[in-house]
């Protein structure tokens, strides 16, 4: 390997290899797409091999690129360890809630990242929502978080960076006694006459309330009155029984006794979950999270948008960037 190989070239290659999208890779690295493409070409020239095959519709790794990827990850991890010191502090990551679900993006990415970085430590925090976590990120009291970046205030978004991770299907959860609870799926039109709780009373999740407001507005539906939010499984079950309104959530969301989670269809509403961080952060734990999200996403099509689905314009803009 050439002696003058700069880590920047490897970092650009890894980002492009993990996203298979030069635009999203450039966004992750906070560089212009032209600069990233130039660095990849420089790396290919140094190594004497093409690393990507490119068409107008897709990007894929060549055999040489697939061989280089694990080596580049190891070299970058070692570089970051040297630069940041042998005694590496834990990465502080907000997961929103400590309630588990059958297919929670945050849980799955964290589990895979911890397995890939066993020598390090990623400590979970549960601040209740991305709006709350974003304030901690901006104040350098937190390193990373998951959530709907597009719903944050513009001033906060300007201080942070994000990587799209997954398009999650939106659903509603409700007490088993609700008139709509026995349906296997609900058309959005079925919610007419049933106010929907978008968690507008929760200051920690204003990004989620923004999504709900957009969804209901676009389909002529009514939001429920804002209430003080419940915390925890038991309190959520009581809350849903007491107030009686379906609450907007995601298909892979929490399993709560006495509560059903019903997918929404016609159209299928989506929300874009991103990994959010400070732009200047360099940490092997963050690299492990980004790699885990990219690997899971590539294998399971996490960023593939189904035909005829609904996605808020602000989320679609982030996905297209």
Protein backbone atom coordinates (compact mmCIF):
# COMPACT_ATOMS: atom_id res chain seq x y z
CA UNK A 1 0.00 0.00 0.00
CA UNK A 2 1.43 3.44 -0.90
CA UNK A 3 3.23 5.25 1.89
CA UNK A 4 1.49 8.56 1.09
CA UNK A 5 -2.05 7.17 1.44
CA UNK A 6 -4.04 9.76 3.41
CA UNK A 7 -6.77 8.56 5.83
CA UNK A 8 -9.15 11.00 4.13
CA UNK A 9 -9.06 8.87 0.99
CA UNK A 10 -9.91 5.72 2.93
CA UNK A 11 -12.65 7.51 4.86
CA UNK A 12 -14.26 8.65 1.63
CA UNK A 13 -14.01 5.17 0.15
CA UNK A 14 -15.62 3.55 3.21
CA UNK A 15 -18.48 6.05 3.26
CA UNK A 16 -19.16 5.47 -0.45
CA UNK A 17 -18.86 1.69 -0.04
CA UNK A 18 -21.29 1.61 2.88
CA UNK A 19 -23.94 3.83 1.29
CA UNK A 20 -23.37 2.88 -2.37
CA UNK A 21 -24.46 6.45 -3.04
CA UNK A 22 -21.90 9.22 -3.57
CA UNK A 23 -24.35 11.95 -2.61
CA UNK A 24 -25.21 10.39 0.77
CA UNK A 25 -21.56 9.52 1.39
CA UNK A 26 -20.55 13.14 0.77
CA UNK A 27 -23.30 14.30 3.12
CA UNK A 28 -22.03 11.95 5.84
CA UNK A 29 -18.52 13.37 5.49
CA UNK A 30 -19.64 17.01 5.06
CA UNK A 31 -17.78 17.43 1.78
CA UNK A 32 -18.87 18.26 -1.75
CA UNK A 33 -19.76 15.27 -3.90
CA UNK A 34 -17.19 16.35 -6.48
CA UNK A 35 -14.46 16.33 -3.82
CA UNK A 36 -15.45 12.83 -2.70
CA UNK A 37 -15.45 11.54 -6.29
CA UNK A 38 -12.01 13.09 -6.80
CA UNK A 39 -10.67 11.37 -3.65
CA UNK A 40 -12.04 8.00 -4.78
CA UNK A 41 -10.39 8.40 -8.18
CA UNK A 42 -7.11 9.32 -6.44
CA UNK A 43 -7.34 6.20 -4.28
CA UNK A 44 -8.07 4.03 -7.31
CA UNK A 45 -5.02 5.48 -9.07
CA UNK A 46 -2.79 4.89 -6.03
CA UNK A 47 -3.93 1.29 -5.69
CA UNK A 48 -4.01 0.57 -9.40
CA UNK A 49 -7.53 -0.88 -9.26
CA UNK A 50 -11.08 0.26 -9.87
CA UNK A 51 -13.00 0.14 -6.59
CA UNK A 52 -16.51 0.92 -7.87
CA UNK A 53 -18.59 0.23 -10.93
CA UNK A 54 -20.81 3.22 -11.70
CA UNK A 55 -23.82 3.61 -13.94
CA UNK A 56 -26.36 6.40 -14.15
CA UNK A 57 -28.65 4.36 -11.88
CA UNK A 58 -26.41 2.50 -9.43
CA UNK A 59 -23.06 2.22 -7.70
CA UNK A 60 -21.50 -1.10 -6.70
CA UNK A 61 -18.20 -2.37 -5.37
CA UNK A 62 -15.75 -4.20 -7.61
CA UNK A 63 -13.97 -7.31 -6.27
CA UNK A 64 -11.03 -5.05 -5.38
CA UNK A 65 -13.37 -2.72 -3.52
CA UNK A 66 -14.89 -5.59 -1.55
CA UNK A 67 -11.41 -6.78 -0.55
CA UNK A 68 -10.35 -3.30 0.51
CA UNK A 69 -13.41 -2.45 2.62
CA UNK A 70 -12.63 -4.52 5.77
CA UNK A 71 -8.97 -3.48 5.59
CA UNK A 72 -9.89 0.19 5.30
CA UNK A 73 -12.25 -0.06 8.27
CA UNK A 74 -9.49 -1.58 10.42
CA UNK A 75 -6.97 1.06 9.37
CA UNK A 76 -9.39 3.91 10.08
CA UNK A 77 -10.31 2.47 13.48
CA UNK A 78 -6.61 2.25 14.36
CA UNK A 79 -6.01 5.78 13.05
CA UNK A 80 -8.87 7.15 15.17
CA UNK A 81 -7.61 5.31 18.23
CA UNK A 82 -4.12 6.79 17.81
CA UNK A 83 -5.41 10.29 17.17
CA UNK A 84 -7.85 10.27 20.04
CA UNK A 85 -5.72 8.41 22.56
CA UNK A 86 -5.63 4.83 23.83
CA UNK A 87 -7.95 5.57 26.75
CA UNK A 88 -11.08 6.13 24.67
CA UNK A 89 -14.16 7.44 26.45
CA UNK A 90 -17.52 5.75 25.82
CA UNK A 91 -19.81 7.01 23.09
CA UNK A 92 -23.03 8.43 24.55
CA UNK A 93 -25.99 7.47 22.36
CA UNK A 94 -29.64 8.39 22.85
CA UNK A 95 -32.19 5.70 21.94
CA UNK A 96 -35.28 7.79 22.78
CA UNK A 97 -36.91 5.15 25.03
CA UNK A 98 -35.85 2.11 27.04
CA UNK A 99 -38.95 0.21 25.84
CA UNK A 100 -38.12 -2.60 23.40
CA UNK A 101 -40.07 -3.58 20.31
CA UNK A 102 -40.04 -6.38 17.73
CA UNK A 103 -38.11 -4.42 15.11
CA UNK A 104 -36.75 -1.21 16.61
CA UNK A 105 -34.11 0.32 14.36
CA UNK A 106 -32.20 1.77 17.30
CA UNK A 107 -31.95 -1.55 19.14
CA UNK A 108 -30.83 -3.47 16.08
CA UNK A 109 -28.16 -0.96 15.01
CA UNK A 110 -26.79 -0.69 18.55
CA UNK A 111 -26.61 -4.47 18.99
CA UNK A 112 -24.69 -4.89 15.74
CA UNK A 113 -22.35 -1.97 16.48
CA UNK A 114 -21.49 -3.32 19.93
CA UNK A 115 -20.71 -6.72 18.43
CA UNK A 116 -18.44 -5.13 15.82
CA UNK A 117 -16.62 -2.96 18.41
CA UNK A 118 -16.30 -5.21 21.47
CA UNK A 119 -13.23 -3.39 22.79
CA UNK A 120 -15.15 -0.14 23.14
CA UNK A 121 -18.26 1.03 24.94
CA UNK A 122 -21.45 2.61 23.67
CA UNK A 123 -23.62 3.85 26.54
CA UNK A 124 -27.34 4.23 25.89
CA UNK A 125 -29.35 7.21 27.09
CA UNK A 126 -33.14 7.58 27.00
CA UNK A 127 -34.10 11.25 26.64
CA UNK A 128 -37.59 10.60 25.29
CA UNK A 129 -37.26 12.03 21.78
CA UNK A 130 -34.91 13.61 19.26
CA UNK A 131 -35.98 17.16 20.14
CA UNK A 132 -34.67 16.61 23.67
CA UNK A 133 -31.58 14.75 22.46
CA UNK A 134 -30.71 17.44 19.90
CA UNK A 135 -30.33 20.05 22.63
CA UNK A 136 -27.89 17.74 24.42
CA UNK A 137 -25.99 17.09 21.19
CA UNK A 138 -25.60 20.78 20.49
CA UNK A 139 -24.34 21.32 24.06
CA UNK A 140 -21.75 18.50 23.69
CA UNK A 141 -23.40 16.47 26.48
CA UNK A 142 -24.34 13.70 24.03
CA UNK A 143 -22.58 12.21 21.01
CA UNK A 144 -25.29 10.73 18.81
CA UNK A 145 -29.01 10.01 18.65
CA UNK A 146 -31.61 8.44 16.39
CA UNK A 147 -34.77 10.14 15.17
CA UNK A 148 -36.56 12.26 12.60
CA UNK A 149 -34.03 14.97 11.77
CA UNK A 150 -36.33 16.82 9.36
CA UNK A 151 -38.68 17.74 12.21
CA UNK A 152 -36.08 19.63 14.24
CA UNK A 153 -36.01 23.45 14.24
CA UNK A 154 -33.78 24.90 11.53
CA UNK A 155 -31.38 26.39 14.08
CA UNK A 156 -30.70 22.99 15.63
CA UNK A 157 -30.39 21.26 12.26
CA UNK A 158 -27.71 23.78 11.29
CA UNK A 159 -25.58 22.71 14.27
CA UNK A 160 -25.88 18.98 13.65
CA UNK A 161 -25.26 16.37 10.96
CA UNK A 162 -27.34 13.35 10.00
CA UNK A 163 -27.10 10.11 8.04
CA UNK A 164 -30.36 8.57 6.74
CA UNK A 165 -30.76 5.11 8.24
CA UNK A 166 -34.24 3.72 7.63
CA UNK A 167 -37.67 4.46 6.24
CA UNK A 168 -39.99 3.14 8.95
CA UNK A 169 -43.66 2.37 8.43
CA UNK A 170 -46.03 4.47 10.52
CA UNK A 171 -48.85 2.82 12.48
CA UNK A 172 -51.23 3.60 15.32
CA UNK A 173 -51.43 1.95 18.71
CA UNK A 174 -54.61 1.85 20.77
CA UNK A 175 -56.19 0.04 23.70
CA UNK A 176 -57.69 -3.34 22.80
CA UNK A 177 -61.18 -2.00 23.53
CA UNK A 178 -61.02 0.67 20.82
CA UNK A 179 -63.57 0.21 17.98
CA UNK A 180 -60.74 -0.02 15.39
CA UNK A 181 -58.48 -2.34 17.39
CA UNK A 182 -59.55 -5.59 15.70
CA UNK A 183 -58.46 -4.53 12.20
CA UNK A 184 -55.29 -6.15 10.72
CA UNK A 185 -54.56 -2.79 9.03
CA UNK A 186 -56.21 0.60 8.83
CA UNK A 187 -56.63 2.76 5.76
CA UNK A 188 -55.89 6.36 6.58
CA UNK A 189 -59.48 7.12 5.61
CA UNK A 190 -60.65 4.74 8.40
CA UNK A 191 -59.34 7.26 10.94
CA UNK A 192 -61.90 9.88 9.87
CA UNK A 193 -63.91 10.76 12.97
CA UNK A 194 -61.20 9.36 15.26
CA UNK A 195 -58.79 12.08 16.47
CA UNK A 196 -55.20 10.85 16.36
CA UNK A 197 -52.72 11.50 19.16
CA UNK A 198 -49.48 12.83 17.61
CA UNK A 199 -47.82 13.44 21.01
CA UNK A 200 -48.27 17.19 20.62
CA UNK A 201 -48.12 17.57 24.40
CA UNK A 202 -44.59 16.16 24.63
CA UNK A 203 -41.80 18.77 24.30
CA UNK A 204 -39.23 15.98 23.89
CA UNK A 205 -40.80 14.75 20.64
CA UNK A 206 -41.75 17.86 18.69
CA UNK A 207 -40.14 16.31 15.60
CA UNK A 208 -42.70 13.47 15.81
CA UNK A 209 -45.62 15.84 16.37
CA UNK A 210 -44.52 17.69 13.24
CA UNK A 211 -44.67 14.44 11.25
CA UNK A 212 -48.12 13.63 12.61
CA UNK A 213 -49.39 17.11 11.85
CA UNK A 214 -48.18 16.85 8.23
CA UNK A 215 -49.68 13.39 7.78
CA UNK A 216 -53.09 14.27 9.21
CA UNK A 217 -53.25 17.58 7.33
CA UNK A 218 -52.46 15.92 4.00
CA UNK A 219 -55.24 13.38 4.50
CA UNK A 220 -57.92 15.55 6.05
CA UNK A 221 -57.72 13.92 9.48
CA UNK A 222 -58.01 15.44 12.95
CA UNK A 223 -55.29 15.59 15.64
CA UNK A 224 -56.26 14.80 19.22
CA UNK A 225 -55.95 17.37 21.96
CA UNK A 226 -52.40 17.58 23.40
CA UNK A 227 -52.00 15.76 26.72
CA UNK A 228 -49.12 15.41 29.15
CA UNK A 229 -47.16 12.41 27.85
CA UNK A 230 -46.97 9.02 29.60
CA UNK A 231 -43.60 7.43 30.44
CA UNK A 232 -43.09 3.66 30.41
CA UNK A 233 -45.12 0.65 29.34
CA UNK A 234 -47.70 0.60 32.15
CA UNK A 235 -48.36 4.33 32.01
CA UNK A 236 -48.76 4.24 28.23
CA UNK A 237 -51.35 1.46 28.50
CA UNK A 238 -53.30 3.46 31.09
CA UNK A 239 -53.02 6.63 29.02
CA UNK A 240 -54.39 4.97 25.87
CA UNK A 241 -57.29 3.44 27.79
CA UNK A 242 -58.13 6.70 29.54
CA UNK A 243 -57.97 9.04 26.54
CA UNK A 244 -59.15 6.57 23.91
CA UNK A 245 -57.35 8.15 20.94
CA UNK A 246 -55.18 6.11 18.57
CA UNK A 247 -51.55 7.20 19.02
CA UNK A 248 -49.19 7.55 16.08
CA UNK A 249 -46.20 5.17 16.34
CA UNK A 250 -44.20 2.82 14.07
CA UNK A 251 -44.82 -0.77 13.02
CA UNK A 252 -41.73 -2.07 14.84
CA UNK A 253 -42.56 -0.08 17.97
CA UNK A 254 -43.05 -1.19 21.57
CA UNK A 255 -45.07 -4.22 22.64
CA UNK A 256 -47.45 -3.11 25.39
CA UNK A 257 -49.87 -5.44 27.19
CA UNK A 258 -53.48 -4.46 26.48
CA UNK A 259 -52.45 -2.38 23.45
CA UNK A 260 -52.46 -3.24 19.73
CA UNK A 261 -50.23 -1.79 17.03
CA UNK A 262 -52.07 -1.52 13.70
CA UNK A 263 -50.27 -0.64 10.41
CA UNK A 264 -51.60 2.21 8.28
CA UNK A 265 -52.16 1.75 4.54
CA UNK A 266 -53.63 3.44 1.46
CA UNK A 267 -51.12 5.05 1.33
CA UNK A 268 -48.44 3.57 3.59
CA UNK A 269 -47.04 6.52 5.60
CA UNK A 270 -43.30 6.52 6.25
CA UNK A 271 -40.90 8.38 8.50
CA UNK A 272 -37.17 8.79 7.89
CA UNK A 273 -35.02 7.76 10.85
CA UNK A 274 -31.52 9.25 10.84
CA UNK A 275 -28.38 8.86 12.91
CA UNK A 276 -27.80 12.39 14.21
CA UNK A 277 -24.49 13.68 15.57
CA UNK A 278 -22.22 16.68 15.87
CA UNK A 279 -20.42 17.42 12.58
CA UNK A 280 -16.96 17.47 14.16
CA UNK A 281 -17.24 14.17 16.07
CA UNK A 282 -14.68 11.46 15.31
CA UNK A 283 -15.13 8.35 17.43
CA UNK A 284 -14.74 4.61 16.68
CA UNK A 285 -18.12 4.03 18.33
CA UNK A 286 -19.74 6.38 15.83
CA UNK A 287 -17.96 4.59 12.99
CA UNK A 288 -19.30 1.28 14.33
CA UNK A 289 -22.85 2.67 14.40
CA UNK A 290 -22.59 4.08 10.87
CA UNK A 291 -21.22 0.79 9.55
CA UNK A 292 -23.88 -1.26 11.35
CA UNK A 293 -26.68 0.93 10.00
CA UNK A 294 -25.26 0.78 6.47
CA UNK A 295 -24.87 -3.01 6.55
CA UNK A 296 -28.37 -3.64 7.90
CA UNK A 297 -29.83 -1.10 5.50
CA UNK A 298 -28.15 -2.60 2.45
CA UNK A 299 -29.18 -6.13 3.39
CA UNK A 300 -32.81 -5.32 4.20
CA UNK A 301 -33.51 -2.38 1.89
CA UNK A 302 -34.07 0.08 4.72
CA UNK A 303 -33.92 3.13 2.45
CA UNK A 304 -36.01 1.72 -0.39
CA UNK A 305 -39.27 3.63 -0.64
CA UNK A 306 -42.33 1.52 -1.57
CA UNK A 307 -44.38 2.68 -4.54
CA UNK A 308 -47.38 4.78 -3.59
CA UNK A 309 -46.16 5.50 -0.05
CA UNK A 310 -46.46 8.84 1.76
CA UNK A 311 -43.38 10.68 3.00
CA UNK A 312 -43.26 14.25 4.28
CA UNK A 313 -41.56 16.62 1.83
CA UNK A 314 -38.86 17.53 4.34
CA UNK A 315 -37.92 13.85 4.82
CA UNK A 316 -37.95 13.20 1.07
CA UNK A 317 -35.55 16.11 0.58
CA UNK A 318 -33.06 14.59 3.05
CA UNK A 319 -33.34 11.21 1.37
CA UNK A 320 -32.68 12.69 -2.05
CA UNK A 321 -29.71 14.81 -0.93
